[in-house]
Each structure stands twice: as structure tokens, then as C-alpha cells.
Protein backbone atom coordinates (compact mmCIF):
# COMPACT_ATOMS: atom_id res chain seq x y z
CA MET A 1 -21.63 8.00 20.65
CA GLN A 2 -19.76 4.73 19.55
CA VAL A 3 -17.78 3.21 22.44
CA GLY A 4 -16.40 -0.31 21.50
CA LYS A 5 -15.16 -2.76 24.07
CA TYR A 6 -11.77 -0.92 23.98
CA GLY A 7 -13.27 2.50 24.37
CA ARG A 8 -13.26 5.36 21.49
CA THR A 9 -10.66 4.32 19.11
CA LEU A 10 -9.54 6.54 16.34
CA GLY A 11 -7.97 5.23 13.05
CA ILE A 12 -5.44 7.64 11.57
CA VAL A 13 -3.81 6.35 8.13
CA LEU A 14 -0.69 7.77 6.97
CA ALA A 15 -1.03 8.33 3.28
CA GLY A 16 1.27 10.94 2.22
CA GLY A 17 4.33 9.19 1.10
CA LYS A 18 6.25 10.12 -2.05
CA GLY A 19 7.35 6.73 -3.03
CA GLU A 20 10.48 7.87 -4.69
CA ARG A 21 11.80 4.20 -5.17
CA LEU A 22 8.68 3.09 -7.16
CA MET A 23 9.37 5.96 -9.99
CA PRO A 24 8.11 6.26 -12.39
CA LEU A 25 4.84 4.68 -10.93
CA THR A 26 4.61 7.50 -8.46
CA LYS A 27 5.49 10.36 -10.93
CA TYR A 28 1.72 11.50 -11.15
CA ARG A 29 0.43 9.96 -7.78
CA ALA A 30 1.38 9.36 -4.19
CA LYS A 31 2.72 5.93 -3.25
CA PRO A 32 -0.48 4.73 -1.50
CA ALA A 33 -2.56 5.65 -4.68
CA VAL A 34 -0.55 3.15 -6.78
CA HIS A 35 -2.60 0.61 -8.52
CA PHE A 36 -2.14 -3.24 -7.26
CA ALA A 37 -3.59 -6.57 -8.20
CA ALA A 38 -5.65 -5.40 -11.15
CA LYS A 39 -8.30 -3.37 -9.28
CA TYR A 40 -7.15 -2.20 -5.88
CA ARG A 41 -4.99 0.67 -4.75
CA ILE A 42 -2.28 0.12 -1.84
CA VAL A 43 -4.07 2.16 0.41
CA ASP A 44 -7.27 -0.08 0.25
CA PHE A 45 -5.42 -2.61 2.37
CA ALA A 46 -4.98 -0.44 5.31
CA LEU A 47 -8.47 0.78 5.12
CA SER A 48 -9.82 -2.75 4.73
CA ASN A 49 -7.94 -3.92 7.87
CA LEU A 50 -9.43 -0.97 10.10
CA VAL A 51 -12.87 -1.57 8.67
CA ASN A 52 -13.09 -5.20 8.73
CA SER A 53 -11.80 -4.93 12.35
CA GLY A 54 -14.49 -2.65 13.37
CA ILE A 55 -12.76 0.47 13.37
CA PHE A 56 -15.27 3.13 11.58
CA SER A 57 -13.55 6.54 12.44
CA ILE A 58 -10.83 7.08 10.15
CA TYR A 59 -8.72 10.13 8.77
CA VAL A 60 -6.53 9.66 5.90
CA LEU A 61 -3.74 12.18 5.94
CA VAL A 62 -2.70 12.91 2.55
CA GLN A 63 0.02 15.33 1.09
CA PHE A 64 2.23 14.47 -2.07
CA LYS A 65 0.35 14.43 -5.42
CA SER A 66 -2.75 13.30 -3.73
CA GLN A 67 -5.51 14.36 -6.54
CA SER A 68 -5.57 10.48 -7.69
CA LEU A 69 -5.85 9.14 -3.79
CA ASN A 70 -8.40 11.95 -3.03
CA GLU A 71 -10.66 10.67 -5.99
CA HIS A 72 -10.38 7.14 -5.10
CA ILE A 73 -11.28 7.45 -1.14
CA GLU A 74 -14.15 9.86 -2.16
CA ARG A 75 -15.58 7.45 -4.64
CA GLY A 76 -15.14 4.35 -2.69
CA TRP A 77 -14.74 4.64 0.85
CA GLN A 78 -17.66 6.88 2.27
CA PHE A 79 -20.22 5.68 4.53
CA GLY A 80 -23.89 6.39 2.99
CA GLY A 81 -27.11 7.88 4.47
CA ALA A 82 -27.82 6.86 7.85
CA LEU A 83 -24.40 5.78 8.73
CA ARG A 84 -22.49 8.93 8.00
CA GLY A 85 -21.93 10.69 11.11
CA ARG A 86 -19.55 11.71 14.05
CA ASP A 87 -18.56 8.07 14.61
CA PHE A 88 -18.94 6.75 11.06
CA PHE A 89 -16.51 8.35 8.54
CA ILE A 90 -13.50 8.17 6.49
CA THR A 91 -12.21 11.72 5.92
CA LEU A 92 -9.37 13.02 3.97
CA VAL A 93 -6.92 15.19 5.62
CA PRO A 94 -4.58 17.44 3.67
CA ALA A 95 -1.74 19.19 4.88
CA GLN A 96 -3.40 22.53 6.16
CA MET A 97 -0.32 24.20 8.02
CA TRP A 98 -1.91 24.39 11.41
CA ARG A 99 1.24 24.50 13.11
CA GLY A 100 3.35 26.96 10.59
CA GLU A 101 3.72 27.54 6.94
CA HIS A 102 5.12 24.22 6.07
CA TRP A 103 3.81 20.70 4.83
CA PHE A 104 4.19 17.45 7.06
CA GLN A 105 7.74 17.03 7.93
CA GLY A 106 7.48 13.64 9.11
CA THR A 107 4.87 10.74 10.10
CA ALA A 108 4.95 12.21 13.74
CA ASP A 109 4.60 15.72 12.52
CA ALA A 110 1.91 14.70 10.20
CA VAL A 111 -0.22 13.47 13.31
CA TYR A 112 0.97 16.65 15.53
CA GLN A 113 -0.43 19.03 12.91
CA ASN A 114 -3.74 17.45 13.39
CA LEU A 115 -3.76 16.67 17.16
CA HIS A 116 -7.07 18.89 17.19
CA LEU A 117 -8.85 15.89 15.38
CA VAL A 118 -8.04 13.61 18.25
CA THR A 119 -9.51 16.21 20.66
CA LEU A 120 -12.76 16.58 18.41
CA TYR A 121 -13.11 13.04 18.49
CA ASP A 122 -12.74 12.41 22.03
CA ALA A 123 -10.28 9.35 21.58
CA ASP A 124 -9.25 7.07 24.18
CA ARG A 125 -6.57 5.59 22.04
CA VAL A 126 -5.50 6.07 18.54
CA ALA A 127 -4.57 3.25 15.98
CA ILE A 128 -2.02 5.05 13.39
CA PHE A 129 -1.30 2.72 10.45
CA ALA A 130 0.61 2.86 7.35
CA ALA A 131 -0.88 2.97 3.95
CA ASP A 132 2.06 1.93 1.85
CA HIS A 133 2.29 -1.70 2.39
CA ILE A 134 0.08 -4.55 1.17
CA TYR A 135 -1.08 -6.55 4.52
CA LYS A 136 -3.89 -8.25 6.04
CA MET A 137 -4.27 -8.20 9.76
CA ASP A 138 -7.11 -8.12 12.38
CA VAL A 139 -6.27 -4.88 14.21
CA ASP A 140 -8.89 -6.04 17.03
CA GLN A 141 -6.55 -8.66 18.31
CA MET A 142 -3.56 -5.86 18.51
CA LEU A 143 -6.05 -3.83 20.58
CA ALA A 144 -6.87 -6.73 22.77
CA TYR A 145 -2.95 -7.35 23.22
CA HIS A 146 -2.48 -3.35 23.72
CA ILE A 147 -5.14 -3.39 26.75
CA ASN A 148 -4.08 -6.65 28.33
CA ARG A 149 -0.53 -5.61 28.56
CA GLY A 150 -1.65 -2.31 29.87
CA ALA A 151 0.58 -0.77 27.10
CA ASP A 152 1.05 3.11 26.61
CA ILE A 153 2.16 2.24 23.16
CA THR A 154 1.99 -1.11 21.03
CA VAL A 155 4.32 -1.69 17.96
CA ALA A 156 3.09 -4.18 15.23
CA ALA A 157 6.14 -6.30 14.62
CA ASN A 158 6.62 -8.98 11.84
CA VAL A 159 9.24 -11.71 12.26
CA VAL A 160 11.93 -11.86 9.66
CA PRO A 161 15.31 -13.66 9.05
CA THR A 162 17.93 -11.56 11.01
CA SER A 163 20.11 -11.51 7.78
CA GLU A 164 17.15 -9.49 6.18
CA ALA A 165 16.33 -7.40 9.06
CA SER A 166 18.79 -4.29 8.57
CA ALA A 167 16.44 -2.98 5.93
CA PHE A 168 13.87 -2.11 8.62
CA GLY A 169 13.53 -0.54 12.04
CA CYS A 170 14.54 -3.30 14.56
CA ILE A 171 12.94 -4.24 17.66
CA ASP A 172 14.63 -5.61 20.83
CA THR A 173 12.35 -7.55 23.28
CA ASP A 174 12.34 -8.90 26.63
CA GLU A 175 10.66 -12.32 27.20
CA THR A 176 7.30 -10.65 27.97
CA GLY A 177 7.29 -8.74 24.57
CA ARG A 178 8.15 -5.32 26.18
CA ILE A 179 10.38 -3.32 23.89
CA VAL A 180 13.75 -2.54 25.48
CA GLY A 181 15.41 -1.32 22.38
CA PHE A 182 14.34 0.11 18.91
CA VAL A 183 16.69 1.36 16.02
CA GLU A 184 16.30 2.18 12.63
CA LYS A 185 18.54 -0.26 10.13
CA PRO A 186 21.15 -1.44 12.42
CA GLU A 187 24.01 -3.31 10.98
CA ASN A 188 23.65 -5.82 13.61
CA PRO A 189 20.12 -6.56 14.31
CA PRO A 190 18.71 -8.02 17.45
CA GLU A 191 17.52 -11.50 17.68
CA ILE A 192 14.10 -12.36 19.21
CA PRO A 193 14.84 -13.89 22.78
CA GLY A 194 14.08 -17.88 22.33
CA ASN A 195 14.18 -17.64 18.54
CA PRO A 196 17.91 -17.47 17.32
CA GLY A 197 18.27 -16.09 13.97
CA PHE A 198 14.85 -14.14 13.59
CA THR A 199 14.42 -10.63 14.63
CA TYR A 200 11.46 -8.37 14.98
CA VAL A 201 10.90 -5.48 12.67
CA SER A 202 8.61 -2.63 12.97
CA MET A 203 5.51 -2.83 10.29
CA GLY A 204 4.83 1.06 10.85
CA ASN A 205 1.74 0.47 12.47
CA TYR A 206 1.02 1.73 16.13
CA ILE A 207 -1.66 2.10 18.86
CA PHE A 208 -1.27 4.93 21.23
CA GLU A 209 -2.97 5.96 24.32
CA ARG A 210 -4.16 9.22 23.95
CA GLU A 211 -2.39 11.01 26.49
CA ILE A 212 1.34 9.50 25.61
CA LEU A 213 0.58 10.54 21.95
CA GLU A 214 -0.26 14.07 22.71
CA GLU A 215 2.69 14.56 25.22
CA SER A 216 5.07 12.85 23.13
CA LEU A 217 4.22 14.68 19.77
CA ILE A 218 4.08 18.34 21.61
CA GLU A 219 7.47 17.61 22.93
CA ASP A 220 9.00 16.38 19.84
CA ALA A 221 7.57 19.32 17.84
CA LYS A 222 9.91 21.58 19.89
CA LEU A 223 12.99 19.65 19.26
CA PRO A 224 15.42 19.33 15.97
CA THR A 225 14.54 15.91 15.18
CA SER A 226 12.85 14.30 11.92
CA HIS A 227 9.72 14.20 13.52
CA ASP A 228 9.63 10.56 12.92
CA PHE A 229 7.78 7.65 14.79
CA GLY A 230 10.20 5.20 13.99
CA ARG A 231 13.36 7.35 14.21
CA ASP A 232 12.21 9.61 17.00
CA ILE A 233 9.27 9.13 18.84
CA ILE A 234 9.27 5.42 19.75
CA PRO A 235 13.14 5.05 20.62
CA LYS A 236 12.84 7.66 22.91
CA LEU A 237 9.68 6.32 24.74
CA VAL A 238 10.92 2.99 24.99
CA GLY A 239 12.95 3.87 28.20
CA THR A 240 9.99 6.11 30.01
CA SER A 241 6.66 4.21 28.94
CA ARG A 242 5.17 0.84 28.59
CA VAL A 243 5.92 0.26 24.92
CA PHE A 244 5.02 -3.46 23.69
CA ALA A 245 5.67 -5.41 20.31
CA TYR A 246 2.71 -7.09 18.98
CA ASP A 247 3.81 -10.43 17.19
CA PHE A 248 2.05 -10.12 13.86
CA SER A 249 2.53 -13.84 13.36
CA THR A 250 0.26 -14.72 15.87
CA ASN A 251 -2.59 -12.72 14.34
CA VAL A 252 -5.63 -14.88 13.14
CA LEU A 253 -7.95 -13.93 10.24
CA PRO A 254 -11.52 -15.33 10.42
CA GLY A 255 -12.91 -17.32 7.43
CA LYS A 256 -11.71 -19.58 4.86
CA GLU A 257 -10.82 -19.22 1.18
CA LYS A 258 -14.02 -21.08 -0.23
CA SER A 259 -12.15 -22.53 -3.37
CA PHE A 260 -9.65 -24.64 -1.25
CA TRP A 261 -11.54 -24.33 2.35
CA ARG A 262 -7.98 -23.40 3.61
CA GLU A 263 -7.32 -21.05 6.31
CA ASP A 264 -6.66 -17.32 5.42
CA LYS A 265 -3.62 -16.23 7.06
CA PRO A 266 -2.10 -12.65 7.90
CA TYR A 267 -0.07 -11.33 5.26
CA TRP A 268 2.49 -8.57 4.81
CA LYS A 269 4.67 -7.31 2.18
CA ASP A 270 6.73 -4.13 1.78
CA VAL A 271 6.21 -3.14 -2.01
CA GLY A 272 8.48 -0.01 -1.90
CA THR A 273 10.77 -0.80 -4.74
CA ILE A 274 10.04 -2.17 -8.28
CA ARG A 275 11.40 -5.25 -7.61
CA ALA A 276 9.27 -5.77 -4.50
CA TYR A 277 6.17 -4.58 -6.16
CA TRP A 278 6.86 -6.94 -9.26
CA ASP A 279 7.38 -9.96 -6.89
CA ALA A 280 4.14 -9.42 -5.04
CA HIS A 281 2.19 -9.59 -7.99
CA MET A 282 3.91 -12.69 -8.92
CA ASP A 283 3.32 -14.14 -5.67
CA LEU A 284 -0.43 -13.42 -6.02
CA LEU A 285 -0.55 -15.44 -9.30
CA GLN A 286 0.21 -18.62 -7.39
CA HIS A 287 -2.96 -20.80 -6.48
CA ASP A 288 -1.48 -21.26 -3.21
CA SER A 289 -0.21 -17.83 -2.57
CA GLU A 290 -0.15 -16.67 1.08
CA MET A 291 -2.38 -13.72 0.04
CA THR A 292 -5.77 -14.34 -0.90
CA PHE A 293 -8.41 -12.13 -1.93
CA TYR A 294 -11.17 -14.68 -1.92
CA ASN A 295 -11.98 -14.92 1.77
CA PRO A 296 -15.64 -13.43 2.09
CA GLN A 297 -15.09 -12.75 6.04
CA TRP A 298 -12.05 -10.70 5.04
CA PRO A 299 -12.70 -8.83 1.99
CA ILE A 300 -10.22 -6.40 0.51
CA ARG A 301 -12.39 -3.42 -0.21
CA THR A 302 -11.96 -1.03 -3.21
CA VAL A 303 -14.14 1.40 -5.57
CA SER A 304 -16.56 -0.65 -7.56
CA TYR A 305 -17.20 0.63 -11.31
CA ALA A 306 -19.61 0.12 -13.86
CA ASP A 307 -17.24 -1.54 -16.18
CA PRO A 308 -18.15 -4.66 -18.35
CA PRO A 309 -17.00 -8.18 -17.75
CA SER A 310 -13.58 -9.23 -18.63
CA TYR A 311 -13.55 -11.08 -22.13
CA VAL A 312 -11.27 -13.86 -23.79
CA CYS A 313 -11.81 -14.51 -27.41
CA PRO A 314 -9.78 -15.98 -30.46
CA VAL A 315 -9.34 -13.22 -33.20
CA LYS A 316 -8.30 -13.05 -36.80
CA GLY A 317 -7.16 -16.67 -36.79
CA TYR A 318 -5.39 -16.45 -33.35
CA THR A 319 -6.27 -18.61 -30.48
CA CYS A 320 -6.29 -17.60 -26.90
CA ASN A 321 -4.21 -18.90 -23.99
CA VAL A 322 -4.55 -17.27 -20.74
CA GLN A 323 -2.95 -18.82 -17.52
CA SER A 324 -2.20 -17.85 -14.13
CA THR A 325 -3.59 -14.35 -14.66
CA LEU A 326 -5.45 -11.73 -12.69
CA SER A 327 -8.05 -10.09 -14.81
CA ALA A 328 -10.16 -6.82 -13.65
CA GLU A 329 -13.35 -5.72 -15.07
CA GLY A 330 -13.27 -4.60 -18.71
CA SER A 331 -9.93 -6.14 -19.55
CA ARG A 332 -9.79 -8.01 -23.08
CA VAL A 333 -7.69 -10.59 -24.31
CA LEU A 334 -8.09 -10.74 -28.19
CA GLY A 335 -6.21 -13.43 -29.84
CA SER A 336 -3.09 -13.37 -27.65
CA THR A 337 -1.14 -15.40 -25.15
CA VAL A 338 -1.29 -14.00 -21.49
CA GLU A 339 0.77 -15.80 -18.88
CA SER A 340 1.50 -14.97 -15.15
CA SER A 341 0.64 -11.51 -15.39
CA VAL A 342 -2.00 -9.04 -14.12
CA LEU A 343 -4.32 -7.23 -16.58
CA SER A 344 -5.87 -4.14 -15.04
CA ARG A 345 -9.38 -2.40 -15.72
CA ASN A 346 -10.26 -1.89 -19.29
CA CYS A 347 -6.96 -2.75 -20.83
CA VAL A 348 -6.72 -4.68 -24.06
CA ILE A 349 -4.34 -7.20 -25.55
CA LEU A 350 -4.75 -7.26 -29.48
CA PRO A 351 -4.22 -10.09 -31.75
CA GLY A 352 -0.72 -12.00 -31.98
CA SER A 353 0.57 -10.51 -28.94
CA SER A 354 2.23 -12.30 -26.23
CA VAL A 355 2.56 -10.94 -22.37
CA GLU A 356 4.48 -12.81 -19.78
CA GLU A 357 5.08 -12.06 -16.19
CA SER A 358 3.96 -8.37 -16.57
CA ILE A 359 1.70 -5.96 -15.05
CA ILE A 360 -0.61 -4.19 -17.57
CA GLY A 361 -2.34 -0.81 -16.28
CA GLU A 362 -5.79 0.72 -16.31
CA GLY A 363 -6.85 1.44 -20.15
CA VAL A 364 -3.59 0.26 -21.56
CA VAL A 365 -3.76 -1.01 -25.22
CA VAL A 366 -1.25 -3.76 -26.21
CA GLY A 367 -1.01 -3.39 -30.11
CA GLU A 368 -0.64 -6.55 -32.49
CA ASN A 369 2.03 -8.84 -32.62
CA CYS A 370 3.88 -7.43 -29.67
CA ARG A 371 6.06 -9.39 -26.97
CA LEU A 372 6.30 -8.52 -23.63
CA ARG A 373 8.01 -10.01 -20.81
CA ARG A 374 8.80 -8.95 -17.23
CA VAL A 375 7.20 -5.34 -17.91
CA ILE A 376 5.29 -2.97 -15.99
CA ILE A 377 2.94 -0.76 -17.95
CA ASP A 378 1.26 2.16 -16.11
CA SER A 379 -2.12 3.58 -17.03
CA HIS A 380 -3.17 5.07 -20.17
CA ASN A 381 -0.25 3.80 -22.58
CA ILE A 382 -0.55 2.68 -26.01
CA ILE A 383 2.08 0.17 -27.00
CA PRO A 384 2.67 0.21 -30.65
CA PRO A 385 2.29 -3.01 -32.87
CA ASN A 386 5.40 -5.38 -33.17
CA THR A 387 6.73 -3.68 -29.88
CA VAL A 388 9.08 -6.06 -28.07
CA MET A 389 10.20 -5.49 -24.55
CA GLY A 390 11.99 -7.81 -22.38
CA TYR A 391 13.94 -9.97 -24.55
CA ASP A 392 17.20 -7.92 -25.11
CA GLU A 393 18.41 -5.92 -22.12
CA GLU A 394 20.71 -3.84 -23.94
CA HIS A 395 17.91 -2.58 -26.29
CA ASP A 396 15.59 -2.08 -23.72
CA ARG A 397 18.00 0.11 -21.58
CA GLU A 398 18.45 2.56 -24.58
CA ARG A 399 14.64 2.96 -25.01
CA TYR A 400 12.75 2.55 -21.58
CA THR A 401 13.27 2.68 -17.78
CA VAL A 402 14.76 -0.56 -16.77
CA ASP A 403 15.12 -1.24 -12.94
CA PRO A 404 18.73 -1.54 -12.17
CA GLY A 405 18.53 -4.42 -9.62
CA SER A 406 16.10 -6.64 -11.26
CA GLY A 407 16.01 -5.86 -15.13
CA ILE A 408 12.19 -5.30 -15.07
CA ILE A 409 11.12 -2.74 -17.58
CA VAL A 410 8.76 0.10 -16.39
CA VAL A 411 6.65 2.23 -18.95
CA GLY A 412 5.38 5.33 -16.72
CA MET A 413 2.04 7.09 -17.64
CA PRO A 414 2.35 9.19 -20.78
CA LYS A 415 2.96 12.63 -20.43
CA MET A 416 -0.13 14.99 -19.77
CA GLN A 417 -0.42 17.50 -22.69
CA LEU A 418 -2.97 20.25 -23.76
CA ARG A 419 -5.28 19.23 -26.75
CA LYS A 420 -3.52 21.76 -28.81
CA SER A 421 -0.08 20.02 -28.22
CA ILE A 422 -1.75 16.63 -29.41
CA GLU A 423 -2.84 18.03 -32.66
CA ASN A 424 0.42 20.34 -33.13
CA PRO A 425 3.04 18.94 -30.78
CA LYS A 426 5.51 21.73 -31.66
CA GLU A 427 2.93 24.58 -30.19
CA GLY A 428 1.84 22.47 -27.23
CA PHE A 429 2.79 22.57 -23.57
CA ASP A 430 4.13 19.58 -21.81
CA TRP A 431 2.64 19.34 -18.19
CA SER A 432 5.45 16.65 -17.16
CA SER A 433 7.43 19.46 -15.55
CA PHE A 434 4.46 19.67 -13.20
CA SER A 435 4.67 16.14 -12.30
């Protein structure tokens, strides 16, 4: 039986989110399964943080459009051979209607419906982490803070300007870090004591003592609430339990990025909108980005495939120019210009094309002589030759999905059709109605 220095800690990753604001990227997949940074999925960050922190007993709760996510976890996140067992596992948990004929009704209900897993593991405490953000943190330090404070619940809290805090669950603390108020998206967010102009906001990551978790979820299940940790569970417990905020800015990651020998720093980014998703990628392309994948002591783990190396080559008299670009395995740039972009696995940019500030998905083919700027192209699309996107907004809005706030063009995955419909579209069946 694995008993760490903080007792038996069970990890639960909440990976059932729809991600409606990321449509059409979430048309065929759950938000945690959305691709990120050429070769990763969003869920990889939560799982990497837990495993890197020594938490090897993890349940991943899934729900909406989970097939892509299920396959990703099964292919890349399984312990093998002698390690697999009661205390070393990453297990998918779909909604099984243990508590009634309904799916998970909220984040708290998702855990409530699976409380038997906490019992079977014989957990002392439970780390409940969100799978829909891009972040790097050492959970071990949050656990130490939780134990040292004698906390019943600890909430990971990020420091943001008060002017931006209304978009989050906001935390009011006293001088010791104990939470004295918790409210979702208030008009007037509370400031941090001694740090005017800044506010603690919840990251959606919690550590619960087992007894408090069980009691609060059982009680909440009897009430007509939204069954959500941020809206219901935490605010109610603030007045009756020892609830503390863990200041994420104090987290320290081990190791350095070897190329510059600089310290690796904690990072958190909400990528819940198309603009935020695109911005996060553009941040990554800066050589001094706060987010780095190049610290060997804190790797972001994912599925490894037997794909060929990436490849860049002048073709048909066209030269190649690739700058500030992340390129995954199997990606090819043939006689094209690619600047400040992300190339996912097995995509190809054909001669004469120009790609700028764009995210190109897995298996995408960009035809010859295309011009793409500020475009997100989801997996398996074929962009016809001479296509122009991102240079005429009125033209783009007539033909493509354009994000209202940012003007970023998004090309969702192509419609899934039966083979017969590909050969004879008039007789085929379009599966998009089931997306």
C-alpha cells in the first residue's frame, strides 16, 4: 500500500467539460481533449502536474463526447507491467448513473456519483483538479501547505489584477490565508490584504480532507443547487470549516530550461475562449515565454507516436522560411513560409503558401499558393490551393467561422460521412447531426 508523506492522496481529474465557448473545436470532442501546442491535449497538463508531483492514483471523470479523450488516456497514460495496480493507475470513469438516471449535473455531482471510488482507495485526502486549463504547478507544495495549516479544504488561488477578476470565482482571505469569503464572478472583487489592486481567483483545483468531502457532497446532493464546487460547496463551507487559499504564485518548480539555464516558473492560463486559446499559443512562440516545455525535471507528458521527423525543404523553386514556429512530428513545410505558427502532427504546407500567426491541426493539408493569417484549422482538413484567409474580414465572415471578439478564423473538423456519401454525396448520410 502506497502511503506518502501526506498519507493516501487520491487524484481526481474533472475532464467532462463541453467547452462550448471553444466551438467548433469542441464539436466532436470534449474540451480537455482539444489539441494544444502541436502535440499535446489540454488534459495532459493536469495529469503531468499530478504525476510529476508523485500522485500516481488518479481517476479521470469524463462525460461529453469523450471518445477522443478516452483513446488519448488509454494510449498514453497507462502504467505498465509491474507498476500497474491498486496504487498506480490512471483510470477513466464515465458517467455511470450510480445515483440516478442522469449524467453528472456539475463538478460536485461528478465526484458525488463516484464517492465509492474514494472509499475503495481508502483515501485520507483527495486532490480534485480541473482538466480544462493550461498550467504547471507542483502539487506537493500545495499538499504541504494544506497539512501545515491544518486545513479541511485548500483552494489553489492565482493572483490577478482586480480589474480582471470579475470573470472568475473570487476569494477573500484574512492575513493568515484563511478564506473568509468566496463568490462567483462578483461585480466588485475583493482585494488581497496588503496587496491593493490584486485579487485571488480560484483555479478550480482543490484539496479536501476525505471526511469533509464526503459530508459536504452528501448534503449538497439533497439540495436544489447547481452541484458545483465553486458555486455551492466552497462558499457554504467557508463559514464552518478551515478553508485556505494556496497562493499559486509561491509555487516553485524544480529544474531549469537548459537552453537558457533559466528557472522554470509556474504557469496558468485559462484557454476557454477562441481568443484565449490563440493567445496562449502565440505566447508559447516567444523564446522567453513564461511557459516552457524544455525543463527535463518537469516534463509535460503526452502520447508518443511512431511518426517521422518534421521536415523543411525548398520545392519547385520556392524557398522555405520557418520562424518562431512549433513543429510536431511528421509535419512538413515544402517550399513555403511559416511564421509565428503551430504545426501539429503530420500536417503539410505545400509550395508557394504562406502561413502566419496560425494553428494548423493534425493531418491538415494546406494546398499550394495559399495565404493564411490568424487562422485555426482543426484536424484532417484539406485547404484548397489558392485559398486566402485572414486578409479580408468581410470576405472571411461570408465563408468561414470568425470569432466575434478577435476576428480569428476557425475551420472546424470536416463533417464525418459514410463512404457512400463521399462517392455520391446525394445518397450519403451526414453524421454532423450527431456531433
